[in-house]
C-alpha atoms as a PDB file:
ATOM      1  CA  MET A   1       4.313   2.649  13.493  1.00  0.00           C
ATOM      2  CA  PRO A   2       5.375  -0.736  14.836  1.00  0.00           C
ATOM      3  CA  GLU A   3       9.142  -1.071  14.888  1.00  0.00           C
ATOM      4  CA  CYS A   4       9.102  -4.171  12.688  1.00  0.00           C
ATOM      5  CA  PHE A   5       8.157  -2.102   9.595  1.00  0.00           C
ATOM      6  CA  GLU A   6      10.955  -0.534   7.530  1.00  0.00           C
ATOM      7  CA  ASP A   7      10.547   2.825   5.766  1.00  0.00           C
ATOM      8  CA  LEU A   8      11.467   2.236   2.119  1.00  0.00           C
ATOM      9  CA  SER A   9      11.128   4.001  -1.203  1.00  0.00           C
ATOM     10  CA  ILE A  10       9.076   2.211  -3.812  1.00  0.00           C
ATOM     11  CA  VAL A  11      12.111   1.309  -5.892  1.00  0.00           C
ATOM     12  CA  ASP A  12      13.616  -0.395  -2.819  1.00  0.00           C
ATOM     13  CA  VAL A  13      10.390  -2.286  -2.100  1.00  0.00           C
ATOM     14  CA  LEU A  14      10.330  -3.631  -5.666  1.00  0.00           C
ATOM     15  CA  SER A  15      13.635  -5.416  -5.061  1.00  0.00           C
ATOM     16  CA  SER A  16      12.662  -6.668  -1.579  1.00  0.00           C
ATOM     17  CA  PRO A  17      11.916 -10.311  -0.784  1.00  0.00           C
ATOM     18  CA  ASP A  18       8.341 -11.449  -0.225  1.00  0.00           C
ATOM     19  CA  GLY A  19       7.282 -11.174   3.386  1.00  0.00           C
ATOM     20  CA  ARG A  20       9.422  -8.149   4.250  1.00  0.00           C
ATOM     21  CA  LEU A  21       7.400  -5.725   6.410  1.00  0.00           C
ATOM     22  CA  VAL A  22       7.567  -2.209   4.985  1.00  0.00           C
ATOM     23  CA  ARG A  23       6.021   1.234   5.083  1.00  0.00           C
ATOM     24  CA  VAL A  24       5.780   3.225   1.852  1.00  0.00           C
ATOM     25  CA  ARG A  25       4.901   6.912   1.745  1.00  0.00           C
ATOM     26  CA  GLY A  26       3.566   8.535  -1.379  1.00  0.00           C
ATOM     27  CA  TRP A  27       0.526   9.816  -3.241  1.00  0.00           C
ATOM     28  CA  VAL A  28      -2.508   7.953  -4.536  1.00  0.00           C
ATOM     29  CA  ALA A  29      -2.320   7.879  -8.344  1.00  0.00           C
ATOM     30  CA  LEU A  30      -5.295   5.520  -8.846  1.00  0.00           C
ATOM     31  CA  ARG A  31      -7.930   3.853  -6.680  1.00  0.00           C
ATOM     32  CA  ARG A  32     -10.335   1.118  -7.699  1.00  0.00           C
ATOM     33  CA  GLU A  33     -12.677  -1.145  -5.819  1.00  0.00           C
ATOM     34  CA  MET A  34     -13.799  -4.596  -6.861  1.00  0.00           C
ATOM     35  CA  GLY A  35     -16.167  -6.238  -4.398  1.00  0.00           C
ATOM     36  CA  GLY A  36     -14.296  -6.731  -1.159  1.00  0.00           C
ATOM     37  CA  LEU A  37     -10.953  -5.579  -2.583  1.00  0.00           C
ATOM     38  CA  ILE A  38      -9.545  -2.074  -2.840  1.00  0.00           C
ATOM     39  CA  PHE A  39      -6.476  -1.408  -4.974  1.00  0.00           C
ATOM     40  CA  LEU A  40      -4.379   1.722  -4.572  1.00  0.00           C
ATOM     41  CA  LEU A  41      -1.655   2.678  -7.018  1.00  0.00           C
ATOM     42  CA  ILE A  42       0.877   4.596  -4.927  1.00  0.00           C
ATOM     43  CA  ARG A  43       3.642   6.769  -6.368  1.00  0.00           C
ATOM     44  CA  ASP A  44       6.692   8.416  -4.898  1.00  0.00           C
ATOM     45  CA  GLY A  45       9.755  10.017  -6.478  1.00  0.00           C
ATOM     46  CA  SER A  46      11.175   6.600  -7.366  1.00  0.00           C
ATOM     47  CA  GLY A  47       8.205   4.818  -8.977  1.00  0.00           C
ATOM     48  CA  TYR A  48       4.795   3.209  -8.575  1.00  0.00           C
ATOM     49  CA  ILE A  49       3.538   0.270  -6.532  1.00  0.00           C
ATOM     50  CA  GLN A  50       0.142  -1.314  -5.962  1.00  0.00           C
ATOM     51  CA  ALA A  51      -1.296  -1.770  -2.484  1.00  0.00           C
ATOM     52  CA  ALA A  52      -4.342  -3.927  -1.800  1.00  0.00           C
ATOM     53  CA  ALA A  53      -6.827  -3.993   1.064  1.00  0.00           C
ATOM     54  CA  LYS A  54      -9.115  -7.009   1.427  1.00  0.00           C
ATOM     55  CA  ARG A  55     -12.251  -6.925   3.541  1.00  0.00           C
ATOM     56  CA  GLY A  56     -11.964  -9.411   6.404  1.00  0.00           C
ATOM     57  CA  VAL A  57      -8.166  -9.474   6.192  1.00  0.00           C
ATOM     58  CA  THR A  58      -7.325  -5.772   6.457  1.00  0.00           C
ATOM     59  CA  PRO A  59      -8.348  -4.224   9.801  1.00  0.00           C
ATOM     60  CA  PRO A  60     -11.790  -2.576   9.372  1.00  0.00           C
ATOM     61  CA  GLU A  61     -10.540   0.962  10.112  1.00  0.00           C
ATOM     62  CA  ALA A  62      -7.738   0.653   7.552  1.00  0.00           C
ATOM     63  CA  PHE A  63     -10.131  -0.814   4.970  1.00  0.00           C
ATOM     64  CA  GLU A  64     -12.513   2.146   5.384  1.00  0.00           C
ATOM     65  CA  ARG A  65      -9.630   4.604   5.096  1.00  0.00           C
ATOM     66  CA  ALA A  66      -8.559   2.952   1.835  1.00  0.00           C
ATOM     67  CA  ARG A  67     -12.150   3.132   0.614  1.00  0.00           C
ATOM     68  CA  GLY A  68     -12.389   6.865   1.321  1.00  0.00           C
ATOM     69  CA  VAL A  69      -9.005   8.041   0.064  1.00  0.00           C
ATOM     70  CA  SER A  70      -9.051  10.437  -2.898  1.00  0.00           C
ATOM     71  CA  LEU A  71      -6.622  10.822  -5.783  1.00  0.00           C
ATOM     72  CA  GLU A  72      -3.407  12.675  -4.964  1.00  0.00           C
ATOM     73  CA  SER A  73      -3.916  12.125  -1.226  1.00  0.00           C
ATOM     74  CA  ALA A  74      -0.671  11.702   0.695  1.00  0.00           C
ATOM     75  CA  VAL A  75      -0.624   8.282   2.340  1.00  0.00           C
ATOM     76  CA  ALA A  76       1.550   5.914   4.341  1.00  0.00           C
ATOM     77  CA  VAL A  77       0.886   2.251   3.553  1.00  0.00           C
ATOM     78  CA  TYR A  78       2.058  -0.565   5.841  1.00  0.00           C
ATOM     79  CA  GLY A  79       2.265  -4.214   4.923  1.00  0.00           C
ATOM     80  CA  ALA A  80       4.153  -7.248   3.796  1.00  0.00           C
ATOM     81  CA  VAL A  81       5.779  -7.327   0.349  1.00  0.00           C
ATOM     82  CA  ARG A  82       4.176  -9.774  -2.057  1.00  0.00           C
ATOM     83  CA  SER A  83       5.238 -10.077  -5.684  1.00  0.00           C
ATOM     84  CA  ASP A  84       2.711 -10.338  -8.530  1.00  0.00           C
ATOM     85  CA  SER A  85       4.345 -13.387 -10.071  1.00  0.00           C
END
């Protein structure tokens, strides 16, 4: 993992500013694909958060991993925080 990413629980990510680089570990509660987008609902002991992978933006290997992940798989997701609002 690159050193610029911080390991955080989901509850801590939810109160983080946009742009913060984080790694979240948890389990896949839901996965859905819509065209070139894959959405993963990740859960840990503190809550739920959505992660998104977009074809052409997400590295191809990571996009294919997101596409193939099954429910209840243990995952580590890296990225920048972005609020829904």
